[in-house]
Amino acid sequence: MLDVHLANACNLHCDGCNHWSNYNFKEIFSNETLYEWAEPWSKRLNPERINLLGGEPLLNKECEQIVNTYRKLFPKSVIKLFTNGLLLSKQQWLYNCLKENNTVLVITFHSKNKIYKTKLKKELQFLQTWGKAKLTKETWFRRVYDIKGIEVEIRYMSGHWYKTYKGNGINAIPYTDNNPLKSWENCISKDSMQLYNGNLFKCGPIAYLNDFLDKYNLKSKPEWNPYSKYNGLNPTCTEDELDKFLKKEEEFICNMCPANPEKMNDKEIFKIKEK
């Protein structure tokens, strides 16, 4: 799978977000920029799935154009547009765009917070304007519906999410379990490569790490310094380099994540914790 951020910004501040989007980043990527990132790779990769996510993708006013662009670049891939659902009612373009581009809508459910649940329930009513929802599949963490030809997936992140670092903000530090193989085996992102600034990264936590480290001036901190030097794979790489990158399982950066992750049943979503 290939993951692509449409926005580093988010309208939630989920404690422990493994893309670091809970630290008030504001960057939104244009359709032109995201085309330039992906176009070279579209000639070399045929991903099973493209995940358009963030942050919160629906903060990007060019989201419709971006879905169109990625469908043209990757005509054979399943495309999934992820959202926390809190901006659904403002997206009058969404149904037609998903239909025309054969794209799945994935709505992620993040918290048991009553205020959040009330807001999300109200936004989900927008989907009723598309038609009647028919349940087609159900597992322990998701339900899949068909709504007038659109596949809509509701993912329940409780019990599925975990922090990939310890502490918060300036006090954040990587894990030191020193068992990269086990960290990789337990990683929920091990089947997803991240496309960022035109390069391929092994996962989201490493792709956006330096944005976080720069914000808190942590690159020189001994615990983080080795990981800050990780470089993604450039599209000018050789076929051999690409093949090795895609086949590589655990590596040194896996050390920064827990070998035995503690799954979270709930998390703070409305404010940043720094402790």
Protein backbone atom coordinates (compact mmCIF):
# COMPACT_ATOMS: atom_id res chain seq x y z
CA MET A 1 0.00 0.00 0.00
CA LEU A 2 1.03 3.58 -0.62
CA ASP A 3 -0.01 6.26 1.91
CA VAL A 4 -0.18 9.92 0.90
CA HIS A 5 -0.87 12.94 3.12
CA LEU A 6 -3.24 15.50 1.64
CA ALA A 7 -2.65 17.61 4.73
CA ASN A 8 -0.35 17.52 7.72
CA ALA A 9 -2.98 19.62 9.51
CA CYS A 10 -5.83 18.06 11.48
CA ASN A 11 -8.97 19.23 13.23
CA LEU A 12 -8.38 16.72 16.03
CA HIS A 13 -5.42 16.46 18.40
CA CYS A 14 -5.32 12.74 19.11
CA ASP A 15 -2.77 12.02 21.80
CA GLY A 16 -0.18 9.68 20.32
CA CYS A 17 -1.01 10.24 16.64
CA ASN A 18 1.64 8.21 14.82
CA HIS A 19 1.78 10.81 12.04
CA TRP A 20 2.50 13.58 14.57
CA SER A 21 -0.57 15.49 13.34
CA ASN A 22 -1.56 16.38 16.91
CA TYR A 23 1.12 19.08 17.12
CA ASN A 24 -0.62 21.92 15.28
CA PHE A 25 0.98 21.52 11.89
CA LYS A 26 -0.81 23.66 9.28
CA GLU A 27 0.61 22.44 5.97
CA ILE A 28 -1.86 21.67 3.18
CA PHE A 29 -0.52 20.19 -0.07
CA SER A 30 -1.73 21.39 -3.46
CA ASN A 31 -2.96 19.08 -6.20
CA GLU A 32 0.05 20.16 -8.27
CA THR A 33 2.49 19.24 -5.49
CA LEU A 34 0.91 15.86 -4.87
CA TYR A 35 0.97 15.14 -8.61
CA GLU A 36 4.68 15.99 -8.74
CA TRP A 37 5.36 13.64 -5.81
CA ALA A 38 3.54 10.70 -7.34
CA GLU A 39 4.01 11.01 -11.10
CA PRO A 40 7.56 9.55 -11.20
CA TRP A 41 6.50 6.62 -9.00
CA SER A 42 3.38 5.93 -11.07
CA LYS A 43 5.70 4.72 -13.82
CA ARG A 44 7.49 2.32 -11.48
CA LEU A 45 4.95 1.15 -8.91
CA ASN A 46 1.58 -0.54 -9.14
CA PRO A 47 0.31 -0.42 -5.54
CA GLU A 48 -2.49 -2.71 -4.49
CA ARG A 49 -3.96 0.25 -2.65
CA ILE A 50 -3.54 4.04 -2.41
CA ASN A 51 -4.55 5.58 0.94
CA LEU A 52 -5.26 9.33 0.77
CA LEU A 53 -5.08 10.54 4.32
CA GLY A 54 -3.51 12.98 6.81
CA GLY A 55 -3.92 14.76 9.14
CA GLU A 56 -7.44 15.41 7.90
CA PRO A 57 -7.71 15.26 4.07
CA LEU A 58 -11.00 17.17 3.97
CA LEU A 59 -9.19 20.28 5.22
CA ASN A 60 -7.65 20.36 1.75
CA LYS A 61 -9.85 22.47 -0.56
CA GLU A 62 -8.38 20.62 -3.56
CA CYS A 63 -9.33 17.18 -2.25
CA GLU A 64 -11.69 16.51 -5.16
CA GLN A 65 -9.01 17.30 -7.74
CA ILE A 66 -6.46 15.19 -5.87
CA VAL A 67 -8.71 12.12 -5.92
CA ASN A 68 -9.14 12.64 -9.67
CA THR A 69 -5.38 13.01 -10.12
CA TYR A 70 -4.47 9.86 -8.21
CA ARG A 71 -7.08 7.80 -10.03
CA LYS A 72 -5.48 8.83 -13.32
CA LEU A 73 -1.96 8.11 -12.03
CA PHE A 74 -2.87 4.73 -10.52
CA PRO A 75 -5.80 3.36 -12.60
CA LYS A 76 -5.46 -0.22 -11.32
CA SER A 77 -5.12 0.53 -7.58
CA VAL A 78 -7.87 0.52 -4.98
CA ILE A 79 -8.09 4.10 -3.72
CA LYS A 80 -9.33 4.88 -0.21
CA LEU A 81 -10.01 8.39 1.07
CA PHE A 82 -9.68 8.56 4.86
CA THR A 83 -11.44 11.10 7.10
CA ASN A 84 -12.40 11.52 10.74
CA GLY A 85 -15.84 12.47 9.44
CA LEU A 86 -16.24 15.81 11.21
CA LEU A 87 -16.33 17.80 7.96
CA LEU A 88 -18.54 15.51 5.87
CA SER A 89 -21.55 17.79 5.62
CA LYS A 90 -19.45 20.48 3.90
CA GLN A 91 -18.42 18.17 1.04
CA GLN A 92 -21.25 18.40 -1.48
CA TRP A 93 -18.87 17.17 -4.19
CA LEU A 94 -17.96 13.97 -2.39
CA TYR A 95 -20.49 11.43 -3.66
CA ASN A 96 -19.95 12.19 -7.36
CA CYS A 97 -16.17 12.23 -6.95
CA LEU A 98 -16.09 8.87 -5.19
CA LYS A 99 -18.46 7.37 -7.76
CA GLU A 100 -16.58 8.66 -10.80
CA ASN A 101 -13.20 7.57 -9.44
CA ASN A 102 -14.27 4.24 -7.93
CA THR A 103 -12.94 5.39 -4.55
CA VAL A 104 -13.74 4.03 -1.08
CA LEU A 105 -14.59 6.39 1.79
CA VAL A 106 -13.07 5.37 5.13
CA ILE A 107 -14.37 7.11 8.26
CA THR A 108 -12.21 6.56 11.35
CA PHE A 109 -13.88 6.54 14.79
CA HIS A 110 -11.37 7.71 17.40
CA SER A 111 -12.89 8.23 20.83
CA LYS A 112 -15.65 7.55 23.33
CA ASN A 113 -15.80 11.26 24.20
CA LYS A 114 -19.49 12.30 24.31
CA ILE A 115 -18.97 15.68 22.60
CA TYR A 116 -17.02 14.01 19.80
CA LYS A 117 -19.58 11.23 19.38
CA THR A 118 -22.42 13.76 19.17
CA LYS A 119 -20.59 15.77 16.49
CA LEU A 120 -19.72 12.69 14.48
CA LYS A 121 -23.25 11.28 14.65
CA LYS A 122 -24.61 14.55 13.27
CA GLU A 123 -22.07 14.54 10.42
CA LEU A 124 -22.80 10.92 9.53
CA GLN A 125 -26.40 11.90 8.84
CA PHE A 126 -25.06 13.60 5.72
CA LEU A 127 -24.49 10.15 4.21
CA GLN A 128 -28.24 9.54 4.34
CA THR A 129 -28.61 12.08 1.55
CA TRP A 130 -26.78 9.61 -0.70
CA GLY A 131 -29.20 6.78 -0.11
CA LYS A 132 -29.84 3.81 2.16
CA ALA A 133 -26.79 2.10 3.67
CA LYS A 134 -26.50 -1.68 3.24
CA LEU A 135 -24.07 -3.55 5.51
CA THR A 136 -21.84 -5.77 3.37
CA LYS A 137 -19.04 -6.79 5.75
CA GLU A 138 -18.22 -6.66 9.45
CA THR A 139 -15.04 -7.45 11.40
CA TRP A 140 -13.83 -6.70 14.93
CA PHE A 141 -12.72 -3.16 14.04
CA ARG A 142 -14.71 -2.13 10.97
CA ARG A 143 -18.05 -2.18 9.20
CA VAL A 144 -18.36 -1.83 5.45
CA TYR A 145 -21.50 -0.43 3.81
CA ASP A 146 -22.73 0.09 0.29
CA ILE A 147 -24.51 3.42 -0.14
CA LYS A 148 -25.90 3.71 -3.64
CA GLY A 149 -22.79 2.21 -5.21
CA ILE A 150 -20.28 3.87 -2.88
CA GLU A 151 -18.28 1.71 -0.48
CA VAL A 152 -18.15 3.36 2.95
CA GLU A 153 -16.02 1.84 5.67
CA ILE A 154 -16.37 2.76 9.37
CA ARG A 155 -13.21 1.92 11.32
CA TYR A 156 -13.26 1.74 15.09
CA MET A 157 -9.77 2.65 16.25
CA SER A 158 -10.35 1.79 19.94
CA GLY A 159 -8.22 -1.24 20.74
CA HIS A 160 -6.41 -0.86 17.42
CA TRP A 161 -4.29 2.24 18.05
CA TYR A 162 -1.10 2.61 20.09
CA LYS A 163 1.54 5.24 20.72
CA THR A 164 4.77 4.82 18.76
CA TYR A 165 6.77 7.01 21.17
CA LYS A 166 6.86 7.86 24.87
CA GLY A 167 5.96 11.21 26.41
CA ASN A 168 4.68 14.23 24.49
CA GLY A 169 5.98 17.40 22.89
CA ILE A 170 9.44 18.47 23.99
CA ASN A 171 9.52 15.51 26.40
CA ALA A 172 8.86 12.88 23.74
CA ILE A 173 11.42 10.10 23.40
CA PRO A 174 11.60 6.94 21.27
CA TYR A 175 11.18 3.48 22.69
CA THR A 176 14.32 1.53 23.58
CA ASP A 177 13.11 -2.07 23.49
CA ASN A 178 15.96 -2.89 21.10
CA ASN A 179 14.02 -5.60 19.33
CA PRO A 180 13.46 -4.23 15.80
CA LEU A 181 12.16 -7.53 14.44
CA LYS A 182 9.41 -7.73 17.04
CA SER A 183 8.60 -4.04 16.61
CA TRP A 184 8.21 -4.63 12.88
CA GLU A 185 6.14 -7.80 13.37
CA ASN A 186 3.73 -5.92 15.66
CA CYS A 187 3.61 -2.79 13.49
CA ILE A 188 0.19 -1.83 12.11
CA SER A 189 1.92 0.10 9.30
CA LYS A 190 4.30 -2.56 8.01
CA ASP A 191 2.35 -3.07 4.79
CA SER A 192 2.23 0.67 3.96
CA MET A 193 4.91 2.81 2.40
CA GLN A 194 4.62 6.58 2.84
CA LEU A 195 5.04 9.07 -0.03
CA TYR A 196 6.29 12.42 1.29
CA ASN A 197 8.14 15.23 -0.49
CA GLY A 198 8.51 12.91 -3.47
CA ASN A 199 10.35 10.18 -1.57
CA LEU A 200 9.23 6.78 -0.30
CA PHE A 201 9.45 6.22 3.44
CA LYS A 202 9.10 2.98 5.33
CA CYS A 203 6.21 4.27 7.46
CA GLY A 204 4.34 7.34 8.69
CA PRO A 205 6.19 7.70 12.02
CA ILE A 206 9.56 8.06 10.25
CA ALA A 207 8.22 10.11 7.31
CA TYR A 208 6.94 12.95 9.51
CA LEU A 209 9.42 12.59 12.37
CA ASN A 210 11.70 15.44 11.31
CA ASP A 211 8.76 17.86 11.08
CA PHE A 212 8.10 17.10 14.74
CA LEU A 213 11.77 17.21 15.75
CA ASP A 214 12.26 20.58 14.02
CA LYS A 215 9.22 22.03 15.81
CA TYR A 216 10.68 21.18 19.22
CA ASN A 217 14.37 21.50 18.28
CA LEU A 218 15.00 17.85 19.16
CA LYS A 219 17.17 16.68 16.25
CA SER A 220 20.34 16.91 18.30
CA LYS A 221 18.87 15.04 21.24
CA PRO A 222 20.84 11.76 21.53
CA GLU A 223 17.70 9.62 21.64
CA TRP A 224 16.33 11.06 18.39
CA ASN A 225 19.47 11.95 16.44
CA PRO A 226 20.02 8.54 14.73
CA TYR A 227 16.42 8.47 13.49
CA SER A 228 16.52 12.06 12.23
CA LYS A 229 19.15 11.00 9.68
CA TYR A 230 16.86 8.52 7.93
CA ASN A 231 16.46 9.34 4.24
CA GLY A 232 13.55 8.19 2.13
CA LEU A 233 14.03 6.56 -1.27
CA ASN A 234 14.23 9.00 -4.19
CA PRO A 235 12.42 8.17 -7.48
CA THR A 236 15.78 8.33 -9.28
CA CYS A 237 16.83 5.13 -7.46
CA THR A 238 17.86 2.03 -9.39
CA GLU A 239 15.57 -0.97 -9.81
CA ASP A 240 17.81 -2.92 -7.45
CA GLU A 241 17.57 -0.22 -4.78
CA LEU A 242 13.79 -0.11 -5.15
CA ASP A 243 13.51 -3.87 -4.96
CA LYS A 244 15.59 -4.02 -1.77
CA PHE A 245 13.62 -1.18 -0.21
CA LEU A 246 10.26 -2.83 -0.84
CA LYS A 247 11.40 -6.24 0.40
CA LYS A 248 13.18 -5.04 3.53
CA GLU A 249 11.39 -5.99 6.73
CA GLU A 250 12.84 -4.82 10.05
CA GLU A 251 15.60 -2.21 10.08
CA PHE A 252 17.23 0.15 12.58
CA ILE A 253 14.39 2.70 12.57
CA CYS A 254 12.01 0.03 13.89
CA ASN A 255 13.87 0.40 17.20
CA MET A 256 12.12 3.70 17.89
CA CYS A 257 8.72 1.98 18.17
CA PRO A 258 7.54 -0.45 20.86
CA ALA A 259 8.24 -4.15 20.53
CA ASN A 260 5.14 -4.88 22.64
CA PRO A 261 2.69 -2.07 21.86
CA GLU A 262 -0.05 -1.30 24.36
CA LYS A 263 -3.30 -0.96 22.45
CA MET A 264 -5.37 2.08 23.48
CA ASN A 265 -9.08 1.70 24.23
CA ASP A 266 -9.55 5.47 24.24
CA LYS A 267 -7.48 8.62 23.88
CA GLU A 268 -7.59 12.38 24.29
CA ILE A 269 -8.62 13.97 21.01
CA PHE A 270 -9.30 17.66 21.67
CA LYS A 271 -6.08 18.97 23.15
CA ILE A 272 -2.34 18.42 23.09
CA LYS A 273 -0.76 16.86 26.13
CA GLU A 274 2.82 17.63 26.97
CA LYS A 275 4.01 15.86 30.09
